[in-house]
Structures are given as structure tokens and as C-alpha cells.
């Protein structure tokens, strides 16, 4: 068994005495944390939002002051999450304010080794051109039996569960309109 030195005994004794004295004075650490929380968000604007991670639709409260997010927490009035958030949802604040968050589109040209910042117009035009070229090069009007199929086999789409019902419906309509056959989504819309 480890022997307790005189110095360690005094440290433990002083710490224990401090805790007893503070709690005897009515200082509650949980209450102190709550008060600190209230002071942090005092005069902050409360904005209602949704967690972006999945299609459950957990409601969040975002506290904003001077166009800066102070805190994001679950909305206790929500019938879906009743103020709770899953581990992913609890990281919403980091998602919004991370120093590693990419805030502008990046493009790496073929054979290039570096990414460069580009404008959104460039990205949207490049994406549209790539979809058009892939569709044109792989478009099948009729199958082997001569049946009209009007499909493209050169593009696939994989969606995530963060889609709402409306987004899933819209994406399915657009993709089927383009003739995509290979469409998969976690929600299977």
C-alpha cells in the first residue's frame, strides 16, 4: 500500500475542508454552472433551427449575439427531441464555428496537386458541364430488345438521410428526369 506523506495529507485535508466550507455556505456547483450559462446568453437572440445531420428533424435553439453564435442546444419545446440531442447533434456548434470548416468552393484541376479557391459560378458551371457530358456519352435510347428506355448509365447518385421528404422527392424527380437508373438513398425515396 502506498504511504501518504505529510504534505499529501495536508493537501487532501485542505481540499476537503474547502469543499465542505463552500457547500456549507450554500454554494451549489450545479447552480453556479446554470448561472454562468444564463450570463453567457443574456441579451442573445434566440433563433430556432434544425439539426443538419439526419432526417429526424431535431429542433435546436441557436443563441446569437452580434452575428456570432454563442451556443446551440436542443429545443425543450420540440415534440421530436424534447431538448435532447444525439452525440452528432451536440457538435452543431463545432460544425458552425470550426476553424477547419471549408467556407468557399475549392477546385483541383486534373493532374494538379493543390486545391485553389474558385467562385460558385465556376463550380456550378463545371458541375452542369460534367453532368451533361457524362449523360450524353452514356445515354441509351433503346435496350437490346428495341424497347424505348431513355436512360443514362454513366451517372449514379447516392443521397443521405439528411434529406427531408421534399428534398428526397425533388431529387428523385430531377434524377429520373435526367434518365438516371442508379439512384440510391439511405431513406430509399
N, C-alpha and C. Protein backbone atom coordinates (compact mmCIF):
# COMPACT_ATOMS: atom_id res chain seq x y z
N UNK A 1 0.84 -1.17 0.00
CA UNK A 1 0.00 0.00 0.00
C UNK A 1 0.89 1.25 0.00
N UNK A 2 0.47 2.24 -0.73
CA UNK A 2 1.21 3.49 -0.85
C UNK A 2 1.07 4.30 0.43
N UNK A 3 2.19 4.82 0.93
CA UNK A 3 2.13 5.62 2.13
C UNK A 3 1.78 7.05 1.76
N UNK A 4 0.98 7.67 2.58
CA UNK A 4 0.57 9.06 2.38
C UNK A 4 1.54 9.95 3.13
N UNK A 5 2.22 10.84 2.39
CA UNK A 5 3.19 11.73 3.04
C UNK A 5 2.44 12.82 3.81
N UNK A 6 3.16 13.49 4.66
CA UNK A 6 2.56 14.56 5.45
C UNK A 6 2.05 15.67 4.53
N UNK A 7 2.84 15.99 3.49
CA UNK A 7 2.47 17.05 2.55
C UNK A 7 1.18 16.66 1.81
N UNK A 8 1.08 15.40 1.32
CA UNK A 8 -0.12 14.94 0.62
C UNK A 8 -1.34 14.95 1.54
N UNK A 9 -1.11 14.56 2.83
CA UNK A 9 -2.20 14.58 3.80
C UNK A 9 -2.74 15.99 3.99
N UNK A 10 -1.86 16.97 4.06
CA UNK A 10 -2.28 18.35 4.23
C UNK A 10 -3.03 18.86 2.98
N UNK A 11 -2.56 18.47 1.79
CA UNK A 11 -3.24 18.88 0.55
C UNK A 11 -4.66 18.34 0.51
N UNK A 12 -4.80 17.05 0.78
CA UNK A 12 -6.12 16.42 0.76
C UNK A 12 -7.02 17.03 1.83
N UNK A 13 -6.46 17.25 2.99
CA UNK A 13 -7.24 17.85 4.08
C UNK A 13 -7.72 19.25 3.74
N UNK A 14 -6.83 20.06 3.14
CA UNK A 14 -7.20 21.43 2.77
C UNK A 14 -8.27 21.43 1.68
N UNK A 15 -8.14 20.55 0.71
CA UNK A 15 -9.14 20.48 -0.37
C UNK A 15 -10.48 20.04 0.18
N UNK A 16 -10.49 19.04 1.05
CA UNK A 16 -11.74 18.58 1.64
C UNK A 16 -12.41 19.64 2.49
N UNK A 17 -11.61 20.35 3.26
CA UNK A 17 -12.14 21.43 4.10
C UNK A 17 -12.74 22.54 3.24
N UNK A 18 -12.08 22.85 2.13
CA UNK A 18 -12.60 23.88 1.22
C UNK A 18 -13.94 23.49 0.64
N UNK A 19 -14.06 22.23 0.22
CA UNK A 19 -15.33 21.76 -0.36
C UNK A 19 -16.44 21.84 0.68
N UNK A 20 -16.16 21.39 1.90
CA UNK A 20 -17.16 21.42 2.96
C UNK A 20 -17.56 22.86 3.27
N UNK A 21 -16.57 23.75 3.35
CA UNK A 21 -16.86 25.16 3.68
C UNK A 21 -17.70 25.80 2.59
N UNK A 22 -17.35 25.56 1.33
CA UNK A 22 -18.08 26.17 0.22
C UNK A 22 -19.51 25.64 0.18
N UNK A 23 -19.69 24.32 0.33
CA UNK A 23 -21.05 23.78 0.28
C UNK A 23 -21.86 24.19 1.51
N UNK A 24 -21.18 24.40 2.65
CA UNK A 24 -21.89 24.85 3.85
C UNK A 24 -22.39 26.28 3.69
N UNK A 25 -21.72 27.05 2.86
CA UNK A 25 -22.13 28.43 2.62
C UNK A 25 -23.29 28.50 1.62
N UNK A 26 -23.69 27.34 1.11
CA UNK A 26 -24.82 27.31 0.18
C UNK A 26 -24.40 27.45 -1.27
N UNK A 27 -23.13 27.29 -1.57
CA UNK A 27 -22.65 27.41 -2.94
C UNK A 27 -22.86 26.06 -3.63
N UNK A 28 -23.75 26.04 -4.60
CA UNK A 28 -24.07 24.82 -5.34
C UNK A 28 -23.40 24.89 -6.71
N UNK A 29 -22.53 23.93 -7.00
CA UNK A 29 -21.78 23.98 -8.27
C UNK A 29 -22.71 23.84 -9.47
N UNK A 30 -23.77 23.05 -9.37
CA UNK A 30 -24.72 22.92 -10.48
C UNK A 30 -25.43 24.25 -10.72
N UNK A 31 -25.79 24.91 -9.63
CA UNK A 31 -26.45 26.21 -9.76
C UNK A 31 -25.48 27.24 -10.34
N UNK A 32 -24.22 27.17 -9.95
CA UNK A 32 -23.22 28.10 -10.49
C UNK A 32 -23.06 27.91 -11.99
N UNK A 33 -23.09 26.67 -12.43
CA UNK A 33 -22.98 26.39 -13.87
C UNK A 33 -24.19 26.96 -14.60
N UNK A 34 -25.37 26.83 -14.01
CA UNK A 34 -26.60 27.36 -14.61
C UNK A 34 -26.55 28.88 -14.69
N UNK A 35 -26.06 29.51 -13.65
CA UNK A 35 -25.96 30.97 -13.63
C UNK A 35 -24.95 31.44 -14.68
N UNK A 36 -23.82 30.74 -14.77
CA UNK A 36 -22.82 31.08 -15.78
C UNK A 36 -23.43 30.97 -17.17
N UNK A 37 -24.24 29.93 -17.39
CA UNK A 37 -24.92 29.73 -18.67
C UNK A 37 -25.85 30.89 -18.96
N UNK A 38 -26.64 31.30 -17.99
CA UNK A 38 -27.57 32.41 -18.19
C UNK A 38 -26.83 33.71 -18.51
N UNK A 39 -25.72 33.95 -17.83
CA UNK A 39 -24.95 35.16 -18.09
C UNK A 39 -24.37 35.15 -19.51
N UNK A 40 -24.00 33.97 -19.97
CA UNK A 40 -23.40 33.85 -21.30
C UNK A 40 -24.38 34.21 -22.41
N UNK A 41 -25.64 33.82 -22.23
CA UNK A 41 -26.61 34.04 -23.31
C UNK A 41 -27.57 35.19 -23.03
N UNK A 42 -27.31 35.95 -21.97
CA UNK A 42 -28.14 37.12 -21.69
C UNK A 42 -28.06 38.09 -22.85
N UNK A 43 -29.21 38.62 -23.24
CA UNK A 43 -29.33 39.56 -24.36
C UNK A 43 -29.00 38.95 -25.72
N UNK A 44 -28.84 37.64 -25.79
CA UNK A 44 -28.61 36.99 -27.09
C UNK A 44 -29.95 36.71 -27.74
N UNK A 45 -29.97 36.78 -29.05
CA UNK A 45 -31.18 36.48 -29.81
C UNK A 45 -31.31 34.97 -29.94
N UNK A 46 -32.50 34.46 -29.64
CA UNK A 46 -32.76 33.03 -29.73
C UNK A 46 -33.34 32.72 -31.11
N UNK A 47 -32.67 31.88 -31.87
CA UNK A 47 -33.10 31.52 -33.22
C UNK A 47 -33.41 30.03 -33.24
N UNK A 48 -34.58 29.68 -33.78
CA UNK A 48 -34.96 28.28 -33.89
C UNK A 48 -34.38 27.70 -35.17
N UNK A 49 -33.84 26.49 -35.07
CA UNK A 49 -33.24 25.85 -36.23
C UNK A 49 -33.41 24.34 -36.12
N UNK A 50 -32.88 23.62 -37.10
CA UNK A 50 -32.93 22.16 -37.11
C UNK A 50 -31.52 21.60 -37.19
N UNK A 51 -31.32 20.46 -36.59
CA UNK A 51 -30.04 19.78 -36.68
C UNK A 51 -29.86 19.31 -38.13
N UNK A 52 -28.67 19.51 -38.71
CA UNK A 52 -28.46 19.17 -40.12
C UNK A 52 -28.04 17.74 -40.39
N UNK A 53 -27.90 16.91 -39.37
CA UNK A 53 -27.25 15.62 -39.57
C UNK A 53 -28.13 14.52 -40.14
N UNK A 54 -29.38 14.42 -39.77
CA UNK A 54 -30.20 13.33 -40.29
C UNK A 54 -31.62 13.82 -40.52
N UNK A 55 -32.47 12.96 -40.97
CA UNK A 55 -33.83 13.36 -41.33
C UNK A 55 -34.80 13.31 -40.15
N UNK A 56 -34.32 13.08 -38.94
CA UNK A 56 -35.21 13.04 -37.78
C UNK A 56 -35.85 14.40 -37.56
N UNK A 57 -35.09 15.46 -37.73
CA UNK A 57 -35.63 16.81 -37.59
C UNK A 57 -35.59 17.34 -36.18
N UNK A 58 -34.54 17.03 -35.44
CA UNK A 58 -34.40 17.54 -34.08
C UNK A 58 -34.31 19.06 -34.11
N UNK A 59 -35.07 19.69 -33.23
CA UNK A 59 -35.11 21.14 -33.18
C UNK A 59 -34.02 21.66 -32.26
N UNK A 60 -33.39 22.75 -32.67
CA UNK A 60 -32.34 23.35 -31.86
C UNK A 60 -32.63 24.81 -31.59
N UNK A 61 -32.03 25.31 -30.55
CA UNK A 61 -32.06 26.74 -30.24
C UNK A 61 -30.65 27.27 -30.43
N UNK A 62 -30.51 28.28 -31.26
CA UNK A 62 -29.21 28.88 -31.53
C UNK A 62 -29.23 30.27 -30.90
N UNK A 63 -28.28 30.53 -30.02
CA UNK A 63 -28.18 31.83 -29.36
C UNK A 63 -27.13 32.65 -30.09
N UNK A 64 -27.56 33.81 -30.61
CA UNK A 64 -26.70 34.65 -31.44
C UNK A 64 -26.62 36.05 -30.83
N UNK A 65 -25.40 36.59 -30.80
CA UNK A 65 -25.20 37.96 -30.35
C UNK A 65 -24.14 38.59 -31.25
N UNK A 66 -24.44 39.76 -31.79
CA UNK A 66 -23.53 40.47 -32.70
C UNK A 66 -23.09 39.58 -33.87
N UNK A 67 -24.06 38.89 -34.45
CA UNK A 67 -23.82 37.99 -35.58
C UNK A 67 -22.82 36.89 -35.26
N UNK A 68 -22.70 36.51 -34.01
CA UNK A 68 -21.81 35.44 -33.60
C UNK A 68 -22.62 34.40 -32.83
N UNK A 69 -22.43 33.14 -33.18
CA UNK A 69 -23.13 32.06 -32.48
C UNK A 69 -22.46 31.85 -31.13
N UNK A 70 -23.26 31.96 -30.07
CA UNK A 70 -22.74 31.75 -28.73
C UNK A 70 -22.93 30.31 -28.28
N UNK A 71 -24.08 29.74 -28.67
CA UNK A 71 -24.40 28.40 -28.18
C UNK A 71 -25.49 27.79 -29.04
N UNK A 72 -25.46 26.47 -29.16
CA UNK A 72 -26.52 25.72 -29.82
C UNK A 72 -26.91 24.58 -28.89
N UNK A 73 -28.20 24.47 -28.63
CA UNK A 73 -28.68 23.40 -27.74
C UNK A 73 -30.00 22.87 -28.25
N UNK A 74 -30.42 21.73 -27.73
CA UNK A 74 -31.70 21.16 -28.11
C UNK A 74 -32.86 22.01 -27.62
N UNK A 75 -33.94 22.01 -28.38
CA UNK A 75 -35.12 22.80 -28.03
C UNK A 75 -36.04 21.96 -27.14
N UNK A 76 -36.23 22.35 -25.88
CA UNK A 76 -37.08 21.56 -24.98
C UNK A 76 -38.55 21.55 -25.39
N UNK A 77 -38.99 22.49 -26.23
CA UNK A 77 -40.38 22.53 -26.68
C UNK A 77 -40.65 21.63 -27.88
N UNK A 78 -39.63 21.01 -28.42
CA UNK A 78 -39.79 20.16 -29.60
C UNK A 78 -40.40 18.81 -29.21
N UNK A 79 -41.47 18.39 -29.90
CA UNK A 79 -42.03 17.07 -29.60
C UNK A 79 -41.14 15.93 -30.10
N UNK A 80 -40.18 16.24 -30.95
CA UNK A 80 -39.31 15.20 -31.51
C UNK A 80 -38.17 14.88 -30.56
N UNK A 81 -37.39 15.87 -30.18
CA UNK A 81 -36.22 15.60 -29.35
C UNK A 81 -36.34 16.10 -27.91
N UNK A 82 -37.34 16.88 -27.60
CA UNK A 82 -37.64 17.34 -26.25
C UNK A 82 -36.41 17.91 -25.54
N UNK A 83 -35.59 18.64 -26.28
CA UNK A 83 -34.42 19.30 -25.69
C UNK A 83 -33.15 18.49 -25.73
N UNK A 84 -33.22 17.24 -26.15
CA UNK A 84 -32.02 16.42 -26.19
C UNK A 84 -31.44 16.43 -27.60
N UNK A 85 -30.17 16.12 -27.69
CA UNK A 85 -29.50 15.96 -28.98
C UNK A 85 -28.61 14.72 -28.90
N UNK A 86 -28.50 14.03 -30.01
CA UNK A 86 -27.60 12.88 -30.06
C UNK A 86 -26.16 13.38 -30.07
N UNK A 87 -25.17 12.51 -29.97
CA UNK A 87 -23.78 12.98 -29.98
C UNK A 87 -23.42 13.79 -31.22
N UNK A 88 -23.96 13.43 -32.37
CA UNK A 88 -23.68 14.22 -33.56
C UNK A 88 -24.32 15.60 -33.45
N UNK A 89 -25.57 15.65 -33.03
CA UNK A 89 -26.27 16.93 -32.89
C UNK A 89 -25.63 17.84 -31.87
N UNK A 90 -25.00 17.25 -30.86
CA UNK A 90 -24.35 18.05 -29.83
C UNK A 90 -23.11 18.75 -30.37
N UNK A 91 -22.64 18.37 -31.55
CA UNK A 91 -21.46 19.00 -32.14
C UNK A 91 -21.84 20.11 -33.12
N UNK A 92 -23.10 20.50 -33.18
CA UNK A 92 -23.54 21.56 -34.10
C UNK A 92 -22.71 22.83 -33.96
N UNK A 93 -22.38 23.19 -32.74
CA UNK A 93 -21.61 24.41 -32.51
C UNK A 93 -20.24 24.30 -33.19
N UNK A 94 -19.61 23.15 -33.07
CA UNK A 94 -18.31 22.94 -33.71
C UNK A 94 -18.45 22.93 -35.23
N UNK A 95 -19.54 22.37 -35.72
CA UNK A 95 -19.77 22.35 -37.17
C UNK A 95 -19.85 23.76 -37.72
N UNK A 96 -20.50 24.63 -36.99
CA UNK A 96 -20.69 26.00 -37.46
C UNK A 96 -19.43 26.85 -37.31
N UNK A 97 -18.64 26.62 -36.28
CA UNK A 97 -17.55 27.54 -35.96
C UNK A 97 -16.15 26.95 -36.04
N UNK A 98 -16.01 25.75 -36.55
CA UNK A 98 -14.69 25.12 -36.61
C UNK A 98 -13.75 25.93 -37.50
N UNK A 99 -12.52 26.06 -37.07
CA UNK A 99 -11.51 26.77 -37.88
C UNK A 99 -11.15 25.95 -39.10
N UNK A 100 -11.48 24.66 -39.12
CA UNK A 100 -11.17 23.79 -40.25
C UNK A 100 -12.32 23.72 -41.25
N UNK A 101 -13.40 24.41 -40.98
CA UNK A 101 -14.56 24.37 -41.86
C UNK A 101 -14.25 25.05 -43.20
N UNK A 102 -14.59 24.39 -44.29
CA UNK A 102 -14.39 24.95 -45.62
C UNK A 102 -15.59 25.87 -45.91
N UNK A 103 -15.30 27.13 -46.20
CA UNK A 103 -16.38 28.10 -46.40
C UNK A 103 -16.48 28.58 -47.85
N UNK A 104 -15.54 28.19 -48.69
CA UNK A 104 -15.57 28.58 -50.10
C UNK A 104 -15.32 27.34 -50.94
N UNK A 105 -15.83 27.33 -52.17
CA UNK A 105 -15.59 26.15 -53.01
C UNK A 105 -14.12 26.03 -53.39
N UNK A 106 -13.64 24.79 -53.38
CA UNK A 106 -12.27 24.50 -53.76
C UNK A 106 -12.28 23.62 -55.01
N UNK A 107 -11.29 23.80 -55.87
CA UNK A 107 -11.20 23.03 -57.10
C UNK A 107 -9.76 22.58 -57.30
N UNK A 108 -9.61 21.32 -57.66
CA UNK A 108 -8.30 20.80 -58.01
C UNK A 108 -8.38 20.30 -59.44
N UNK A 109 -7.69 20.95 -60.33
CA UNK A 109 -7.70 20.61 -61.74
C UNK A 109 -7.05 19.23 -61.95
N UNK A 110 -7.38 18.57 -63.04
CA UNK A 110 -6.74 17.28 -63.33
C UNK A 110 -5.21 17.41 -63.34
N UNK A 111 -4.53 16.47 -62.74
CA UNK A 111 -3.08 16.41 -62.63
C UNK A 111 -2.50 17.45 -61.67
N UNK A 112 -3.32 18.30 -61.09
CA UNK A 112 -2.82 19.30 -60.14
C UNK A 112 -2.63 18.66 -58.77
N UNK A 113 -1.78 19.26 -57.98
CA UNK A 113 -1.54 18.74 -56.63
C UNK A 113 -2.12 19.64 -55.55
N UNK A 114 -2.52 20.84 -55.94
CA UNK A 114 -3.03 21.81 -54.97
C UNK A 114 -4.48 22.17 -55.26
N UNK A 115 -5.24 22.43 -54.19
CA UNK A 115 -6.60 22.94 -54.31
C UNK A 115 -6.53 24.45 -54.41
N UNK A 116 -7.44 25.04 -55.17
CA UNK A 116 -7.50 26.50 -55.23
C UNK A 116 -8.94 26.96 -55.03
N UNK A 117 -9.08 28.14 -54.42
CA UNK A 117 -10.42 28.70 -54.21
C UNK A 117 -10.95 29.19 -55.55
N UNK A 118 -12.24 28.89 -55.79
CA UNK A 118 -12.90 29.33 -57.01
C UNK A 118 -14.25 29.93 -56.65
N UNK A 119 -14.88 30.57 -57.60
CA UNK A 119 -16.19 31.17 -57.39
C UNK A 119 -17.29 30.13 -57.57
N UNK A 120 -18.45 30.39 -56.98
CA UNK A 120 -19.58 29.47 -57.09
C UNK A 120 -20.05 29.32 -58.53
N UNK A 121 -20.01 30.38 -59.30
CA UNK A 121 -20.42 30.29 -60.70
C UNK A 121 -19.57 29.28 -61.45
N UNK A 122 -18.27 29.27 -61.19
CA UNK A 122 -17.38 28.30 -61.83
C UNK A 122 -17.78 26.88 -61.44
N UNK A 123 -18.04 26.66 -60.15
CA UNK A 123 -18.38 25.32 -59.66
C UNK A 123 -19.69 24.84 -60.29
N UNK A 124 -20.70 25.69 -60.29
CA UNK A 124 -22.00 25.27 -60.84
C UNK A 124 -21.91 25.02 -62.34
N UNK A 125 -21.17 25.85 -63.06
CA UNK A 125 -20.99 25.62 -64.50
C UNK A 125 -20.22 24.33 -64.75
N UNK A 126 -19.17 24.08 -63.98
CA UNK A 126 -18.37 22.87 -64.13
C UNK A 126 -19.20 21.63 -63.83
N UNK A 127 -20.00 21.69 -62.78
CA UNK A 127 -20.85 20.57 -62.42
C UNK A 127 -21.88 20.30 -63.52
N UNK A 128 -22.54 21.34 -64.01
CA UNK A 128 -23.52 21.18 -65.07
C UNK A 128 -22.89 20.60 -66.33
N UNK A 129 -21.70 21.09 -66.68
CA UNK A 129 -20.99 20.59 -67.87
C UNK A 129 -20.62 19.12 -67.71
N UNK A 130 -20.13 18.73 -66.54
CA UNK A 130 -19.76 17.34 -66.30
C UNK A 130 -20.96 16.41 -66.35
N UNK A 131 -22.09 16.85 -65.77
CA UNK A 131 -23.31 16.03 -65.82
C UNK A 131 -23.78 15.88 -67.27
N UNK A 132 -23.78 16.97 -68.01
CA UNK A 132 -24.21 16.93 -69.42
C UNK A 132 -23.31 16.02 -70.24
N UNK A 133 -22.00 16.16 -70.08
CA UNK A 133 -21.06 15.33 -70.85
C UNK A 133 -21.22 13.84 -70.50
N UNK A 134 -21.34 13.53 -69.20
CA UNK A 134 -21.49 12.13 -68.78
C UNK A 134 -22.82 11.57 -69.27
N UNK A 135 -23.86 12.38 -69.24
CA UNK A 135 -25.17 11.91 -69.72
C UNK A 135 -25.13 11.67 -71.23
N UNK A 136 -24.57 12.59 -71.97
CA UNK A 136 -24.51 12.44 -73.42
C UNK A 136 -23.67 11.24 -73.84
N UNK A 137 -22.57 10.99 -73.14
CA UNK A 137 -21.68 9.91 -73.54
C UNK A 137 -22.20 8.53 -73.15
N UNK A 138 -23.13 8.47 -72.22
CA UNK A 138 -23.62 7.16 -71.77
C UNK A 138 -25.13 6.99 -71.95
N UNK A 139 -25.74 7.83 -72.76
CA UNK A 139 -27.20 7.77 -72.92
C UNK A 139 -27.58 6.56 -73.77
N UNK A 140 -28.59 5.84 -73.31
CA UNK A 140 -29.11 4.67 -74.02
C UNK A 140 -30.57 4.96 -74.34
N UNK A 141 -30.89 5.04 -75.63
CA UNK A 141 -32.28 5.32 -76.03
C UNK A 141 -33.12 4.05 -76.03
N UNK A 142 -32.57 2.96 -76.53
CA UNK A 142 -33.31 1.69 -76.57
C UNK A 142 -32.43 0.58 -76.03
N UNK A 143 -33.07 -0.42 -75.45
CA UNK A 143 -32.31 -1.56 -74.94
C UNK A 143 -32.08 -2.58 -76.06
N UNK A 144 -31.49 -3.72 -75.74
CA UNK A 144 -31.14 -4.74 -76.73
C UNK A 144 -32.36 -5.29 -77.44
N UNK A 145 -33.52 -5.28 -76.79
CA UNK A 145 -34.75 -5.80 -77.39
C UNK A 145 -35.48 -4.74 -78.21
N UNK A 146 -34.93 -3.53 -78.28
CA UNK A 146 -35.56 -2.47 -79.05
C UNK A 146 -36.58 -1.66 -78.28
N UNK A 147 -36.69 -1.89 -76.97
CA UNK A 147 -37.62 -1.13 -76.13
C UNK A 147 -37.07 0.26 -75.84
N UNK A 148 -37.93 1.24 -75.87
CA UNK A 148 -37.52 2.61 -75.55
C UNK A 148 -37.25 2.72 -74.05
N UNK A 149 -36.02 3.08 -73.67
CA UNK A 149 -35.68 3.17 -72.25
C UNK A 149 -35.23 4.57 -71.82
N UNK A 150 -34.60 5.33 -72.72
CA UNK A 150 -34.15 6.70 -72.43
C UNK A 150 -33.50 6.81 -71.05
N UNK A 151 -32.35 6.20 -70.91
CA UNK A 151 -31.66 6.20 -69.62
C UNK A 151 -30.18 6.49 -69.82
N UNK A 152 -29.54 6.89 -68.74
CA UNK A 152 -28.10 7.07 -68.74
C UNK A 152 -27.50 6.15 -67.69
N UNK A 153 -26.46 5.45 -68.08
CA UNK A 153 -25.82 4.50 -67.17
C UNK A 153 -24.45 5.01 -66.72
N UNK A 154 -24.12 6.23 -67.05
CA UNK A 154 -22.82 6.79 -66.71
C UNK A 154 -22.82 7.68 -65.48
N UNK A 155 -23.97 7.86 -64.86
CA UNK A 155 -24.07 8.70 -63.66
C UNK A 155 -24.82 7.92 -62.60
N UNK A 156 -24.35 8.00 -61.38
CA UNK A 156 -25.06 7.43 -60.25
C UNK A 156 -25.26 8.49 -59.19
N UNK A 157 -26.19 8.27 -58.29
CA UNK A 157 -26.47 9.23 -57.23
C UNK A 157 -26.67 8.48 -55.92
N UNK A 158 -25.99 8.94 -54.87
CA UNK A 158 -26.19 8.39 -53.54
C UNK A 158 -26.54 9.54 -52.63
N UNK A 159 -27.72 9.50 -52.02
CA UNK A 159 -28.18 10.55 -51.12
C UNK A 159 -28.05 10.09 -49.68
N UNK A 160 -28.19 11.02 -48.77
CA UNK A 160 -28.09 10.71 -47.35
C UNK A 160 -29.41 10.93 -46.64
N UNK A 161 -29.45 10.54 -45.39
CA UNK A 161 -30.68 10.65 -44.62
C UNK A 161 -30.94 12.07 -44.15
N UNK A 162 -30.05 13.01 -44.45
CA UNK A 162 -30.29 14.39 -44.07
C UNK A 162 -31.32 15.05 -44.97
N UNK A 163 -31.69 14.40 -46.06
CA UNK A 163 -32.73 14.92 -46.94
C UNK A 163 -34.07 14.91 -46.22
N UNK A 164 -34.82 15.98 -46.39
CA UNK A 164 -36.20 15.96 -45.92
C UNK A 164 -37.03 15.21 -46.96
N UNK A 165 -38.29 14.98 -46.67
CA UNK A 165 -39.16 14.32 -47.64
C UNK A 165 -39.23 15.10 -48.94
N UNK A 166 -39.32 16.42 -48.82
CA UNK A 166 -39.43 17.27 -50.00
C UNK A 166 -38.16 17.23 -50.84
N UNK A 167 -37.01 17.29 -50.18
CA UNK A 167 -35.73 17.22 -50.91
C UNK A 167 -35.56 15.86 -51.58
N UNK A 168 -35.95 14.80 -50.90
CA UNK A 168 -35.87 13.47 -51.49
C UNK A 168 -36.77 13.34 -52.70
N UNK A 169 -37.99 13.86 -52.60
CA UNK A 169 -38.93 13.81 -53.72
C UNK A 169 -38.39 14.61 -54.90
N UNK A 170 -37.90 15.82 -54.63
CA UNK A 170 -37.38 16.68 -55.69
C UNK A 170 -36.16 16.06 -56.36
N UNK A 171 -35.24 15.53 -55.56
CA UNK A 171 -34.05 14.92 -56.16
C UNK A 171 -34.42 13.71 -56.99
N UNK A 172 -35.36 12.89 -56.51
CA UNK A 172 -35.78 11.72 -57.29
C UNK A 172 -36.39 12.16 -58.62
N UNK A 173 -37.21 13.19 -58.62
CA UNK A 173 -37.83 13.68 -59.87
C UNK A 173 -36.77 14.21 -60.83
N UNK A 174 -35.83 15.00 -60.32
CA UNK A 174 -34.78 15.56 -61.19
C UNK A 174 -33.90 14.45 -61.75
N UNK A 175 -33.49 13.54 -60.90
CA UNK A 175 -32.59 12.48 -61.35
C UNK A 175 -33.27 11.54 -62.33
N UNK A 176 -34.51 11.20 -62.07
CA UNK A 176 -35.24 10.34 -63.02
C UNK A 176 -35.47 11.09 -64.32
N UNK A 177 -35.69 12.39 -64.22
CA UNK A 177 -35.87 13.21 -65.43
C UNK A 177 -34.61 13.24 -66.29
N UNK A 178 -33.44 13.17 -65.64
CA UNK A 178 -32.18 13.10 -66.37
C UNK A 178 -31.94 11.71 -66.96
N UNK A 179 -32.71 10.73 -66.51
CA UNK A 179 -32.56 9.38 -67.01
C UNK A 179 -31.67 8.49 -66.16
N UNK A 180 -31.35 8.92 -64.94
CA UNK A 180 -30.51 8.09 -64.08
C UNK A 180 -31.22 6.82 -63.66
N UNK A 181 -30.48 5.75 -63.70
CA UNK A 181 -31.00 4.46 -63.27
C UNK A 181 -30.46 4.13 -61.88
N UNK A 182 -29.20 4.47 -61.66
CA UNK A 182 -28.53 4.13 -60.43
C UNK A 182 -28.73 5.23 -59.39
N UNK A 183 -29.86 5.17 -58.70
CA UNK A 183 -30.20 6.14 -57.67
C UNK A 183 -30.39 5.37 -56.38
N UNK A 184 -29.66 5.75 -55.38
CA UNK A 184 -29.77 5.10 -54.07
C UNK A 184 -29.75 6.17 -53.01
N UNK A 185 -30.53 5.94 -51.98
CA UNK A 185 -30.57 6.87 -50.87
C UNK A 185 -30.83 6.11 -49.61
N UNK A 186 -30.29 6.61 -48.52
CA UNK A 186 -30.46 5.95 -47.24
C UNK A 186 -31.93 5.84 -46.89
N UNK A 187 -32.70 6.86 -47.22
CA UNK A 187 -34.13 6.84 -46.91
C UNK A 187 -34.93 6.09 -47.98
N UNK A 188 -34.29 5.72 -49.09
CA UNK A 188 -34.89 4.97 -50.20
C UNK A 188 -36.15 5.62 -50.75
N UNK A 189 -36.06 6.92 -51.05
CA UNK A 189 -37.20 7.61 -51.64
C UNK A 189 -37.27 7.36 -53.11
